[in-house]
Structure formats: structure tokens, C-alpha cells
Protein backbone atom coordinates (compact mmCIF):
# COMPACT_ATOMS: atom_id res chain seq x y z
CA MET A 1 12.35 -16.10 1.15
CA GLY A 2 15.45 -15.68 3.28
CA ILE A 3 13.64 -13.56 5.83
CA VAL A 4 10.94 -16.24 6.21
CA VAL A 5 13.61 -18.89 6.88
CA TYR A 6 15.40 -16.52 9.26
CA ASN A 7 12.20 -15.93 11.25
CA ASN A 8 11.34 -19.66 11.32
CA LEU A 9 14.78 -20.49 12.67
CA GLN A 10 14.75 -17.57 15.13
CA THR A 11 11.51 -18.91 16.62
CA ALA A 12 13.10 -22.32 17.17
CA VAL A 13 16.49 -21.47 18.71
CA ASP A 14 17.75 -19.86 21.88
CA GLY A 15 20.56 -17.84 20.43
CA GLY A 16 21.70 -15.65 17.63
CA VAL A 17 20.61 -16.18 14.06
CA CYS A 18 22.43 -14.60 11.15
CA PHE A 19 22.73 -14.76 7.41
CA LEU A 20 25.93 -16.63 6.47
CA GLY A 21 27.68 -15.66 3.26
CA PRO A 22 28.50 -12.50 1.39
CA VAL A 23 27.17 -9.35 2.99
CA ILE A 24 23.81 -8.43 1.46
CA ASP A 25 23.68 -4.70 0.80
CA HIS A 26 19.91 -4.28 0.60
CA GLN A 27 17.51 -2.40 2.87
CA ASP A 28 15.35 -5.50 3.45
CA PHE A 29 18.31 -7.25 5.09
CA SER A 30 19.80 -4.33 7.02
CA PRO A 31 18.05 -5.13 10.34
CA PHE A 32 19.39 -8.72 10.32
CA ALA A 33 22.76 -9.96 11.53
CA GLN A 34 25.12 -11.13 8.80
CA PHE A 35 28.37 -13.10 8.95
CA SER A 36 31.04 -13.61 6.32
CA GLY A 37 34.25 -15.44 7.16
CA ASN A 38 37.71 -15.92 5.68
CA ARG A 39 36.54 -18.77 3.44
CA GLU A 40 33.78 -16.71 1.80
CA GLY A 41 33.46 -17.64 -1.86
CA GLN A 42 34.95 -21.10 -1.33
CA GLY A 43 31.69 -23.05 -1.35
CA PRO A 44 29.26 -24.32 1.26
CA LEU A 45 31.87 -26.34 3.16
CA GLY A 46 34.03 -23.21 3.50
CA ALA A 47 31.08 -21.27 4.89
CA MET A 48 30.26 -24.09 7.32
CA CYS A 49 33.86 -24.11 8.54
CA ASP A 50 33.76 -20.33 9.04
CA ALA A 51 30.58 -20.67 11.10
CA LEU A 52 31.88 -23.60 13.16
CA GLU A 53 35.18 -21.83 13.85
CA SER A 54 33.51 -18.66 15.05
CA ALA A 55 30.66 -20.31 16.97
CA THR A 56 30.31 -19.56 20.67
CA THR A 57 27.31 -21.88 21.05
CA ASP A 58 27.16 -25.64 21.52
CA PHE A 59 25.33 -26.18 18.22
CA VAL A 60 25.09 -24.46 14.85
CA VAL A 61 22.03 -24.83 12.63
CA PHE A 62 22.36 -24.27 8.89
CA ALA A 63 19.35 -23.44 6.75
CA PRO A 64 19.36 -22.39 3.09
CA CYS A 65 17.49 -19.17 2.44
CA ASP A 66 15.26 -20.81 -0.19
CA THR A 67 13.45 -23.31 2.08
CA PRO A 68 10.58 -21.27 3.56
CA SER A 69 8.37 -24.36 4.01
CA PHE A 70 10.75 -25.69 6.67
CA LEU A 71 8.88 -24.25 9.65
CA SER A 72 9.97 -23.55 13.22
CA SER A 73 8.38 -26.86 14.28
CA HIS A 74 10.62 -28.66 11.78
CA PHE A 75 13.66 -26.87 13.20
CA ASP A 76 12.54 -27.90 16.71
CA HIS A 77 12.43 -31.54 15.57
CA LEU A 78 15.83 -31.30 13.89
CA ILE A 79 17.47 -29.61 16.88
CA ALA A 80 15.95 -32.00 19.44
CA SER A 81 18.00 -34.88 18.01
CA THR A 82 21.40 -33.24 18.26
CA THR A 83 22.36 -34.32 21.75
CA LYS A 84 22.95 -37.90 20.57
CA HIS A 85 24.82 -37.19 17.31
CA ASP A 86 27.55 -34.98 15.89
CA VAL A 87 25.36 -33.91 12.97
CA VAL A 88 21.62 -34.16 12.33
CA VAL A 89 20.63 -33.63 8.71
CA ALA A 90 17.22 -33.21 7.08
CA THR A 91 16.49 -35.95 4.54
CA ASP A 92 13.69 -36.66 2.11
CA ILE A 93 11.02 -38.95 3.50
CA ASP A 94 10.87 -40.81 0.18
CA PRO A 95 13.67 -43.06 -1.08
CA PRO A 96 16.50 -42.57 -1.77
CA HIS A 97 16.31 -40.29 1.33
CA LEU A 98 18.58 -37.58 -0.04
CA ARG A 99 20.46 -35.65 2.61
CA HIS A 100 20.13 -31.86 2.64
CA TRP A 101 23.47 -30.90 4.17
CA LEU A 102 22.61 -27.22 4.17
CA LEU A 103 19.58 -27.97 6.35
CA SER A 104 21.29 -29.48 9.36
CA CYS A 105 22.38 -29.06 12.98
CA TRP A 106 26.01 -29.50 14.03
CA ASN A 107 27.59 -30.14 17.44
CA VAL A 108 30.34 -27.52 17.38
CA GLU A 109 32.79 -29.26 19.71
CA ALA A 110 32.44 -32.61 17.94
CA THR A 111 32.67 -31.28 14.38
CA ARG A 112 34.71 -28.06 14.28
CA SER A 113 38.23 -29.50 14.01
CA HIS A 114 37.10 -32.44 11.88
CA MET A 115 35.44 -30.24 9.25
CA VAL A 116 38.17 -27.56 9.23
CA ASN A 117 40.83 -30.26 8.81
CA ALA A 118 38.89 -31.80 5.93
CA PHE A 119 38.59 -28.40 4.26
CA SER A 120 42.29 -27.61 4.87
CA SER A 121 43.28 -30.91 3.26
CA GLY A 122 41.48 -29.90 0.06
CA GLU A 123 38.05 -31.49 0.55
CA ARG A 124 35.14 -29.40 -0.72
CA ALA A 125 32.26 -31.89 -0.59
CA ILE A 126 30.29 -31.92 2.65
CA HIS A 127 29.14 -35.52 2.14
CA ARG A 128 32.77 -36.69 2.05
CA ALA A 129 34.04 -34.34 4.77
CA ILE A 130 31.64 -35.83 7.36
CA THR A 131 33.24 -39.30 7.11
CA GLY A 132 33.93 -40.46 10.65
CA LEU A 133 31.28 -38.29 12.31
CA SER A 134 28.10 -39.59 13.93
CA VAL A 135 25.36 -38.47 11.52
CA ALA A 136 21.62 -38.91 12.06
CA ASP A 137 18.99 -38.45 9.38
CA ARG A 138 15.67 -36.79 10.20
CA ARG A 139 13.09 -37.34 7.51
CA TYR A 140 10.67 -34.68 6.32
CA GLU A 141 8.07 -34.43 3.60
CA ASN A 142 9.58 -33.41 0.28
CA ALA A 143 7.36 -30.31 0.19
CA ASP A 144 8.91 -29.13 3.48
CA LEU A 145 12.40 -29.36 1.97
CA MET A 146 11.65 -27.93 -1.46
CA ASN A 147 13.70 -25.01 -2.71
CA ILE A 148 11.52 -22.01 -3.56
CA ASN A 149 13.43 -19.57 -5.73
CA THR A 150 10.58 -17.95 -7.66
CA PRO A 151 6.83 -17.52 -7.13
CA ALA A 152 6.28 -20.26 -9.73
CA ASP A 153 8.22 -22.72 -7.54
CA ALA A 154 5.62 -22.25 -4.80
CA GLN A 155 2.74 -23.39 -7.05
């Protein structure tokens, strides 16, 4: 599933795409760039901070490896909204419009220090760490956001 997400994102962005997290020692992943930072193993917010700190681009897009139904066109839509907000996050189209923080686009300059400071002060929840940032929701069909971890999940 991760390779499908990787390819969908690669089609949508002008820049490098990599797997974020522990290095995957498997032949299927060897041709793909991987990144693991100093906060590895300290949760999603730690990984986000590592990515934001090391970013050399204006924006960073996060995508969980188990969302293969989020297509390159969805990434295009998500990314297109970032110039007006610090963070653009995918949300369910149906109420209560849950935010999928790991499927989001972040303005590096606007968010890097804010998120690293939140993490350094002990915060570990993304939804609390973003307090004070300009966040926009982009709604998608629930099927586009669904986590697919096994073949049965895709049924």
C-alpha cells in the first residue's frame, strides 16, 4: 500500500518524496528515498517535526502509507489550498468532519518553529500542537480517506 501512496503523491508534487519513519529494510522499498530523524519513535508529531526541520521546500505533504485511495488528484486539491493557510488537512465529508492530520500539507516557514516548540514543551498531540496556526479543512469522501491495512479492508 505504501508504494501506491508514494506514487500517487509523487505524481502530484514537484519535489522529493520519501518514506518518513524507521528505515524499512525490505527489497520492495530499496529504490525509494527514506528519512528518519532524531525524534524517530516519539510519535507522529515527532516525525512531523523532523520533516519540517529538515525540509528545504516551501511545503511538506504528509500521507499515511495505508491510504491508497487518496489519489494524485486528491493531493493536487489538497496542495492547491496551501498558499492561503499554514496547514491544509483532509477531513471527512460527513459530519463530524474528522481531521486526518497525517494526510495534510504544511507551510514549512509558518509551521516549523511553532510545531517544534510545541513538541519541545512536551506536547504530543497534533490537534493541540496546531493551536494558533491557520488551518483549512478540505473535505473528501470517506472512501478516499479510508485506511487499507489488509485485502479485506479494500472490500
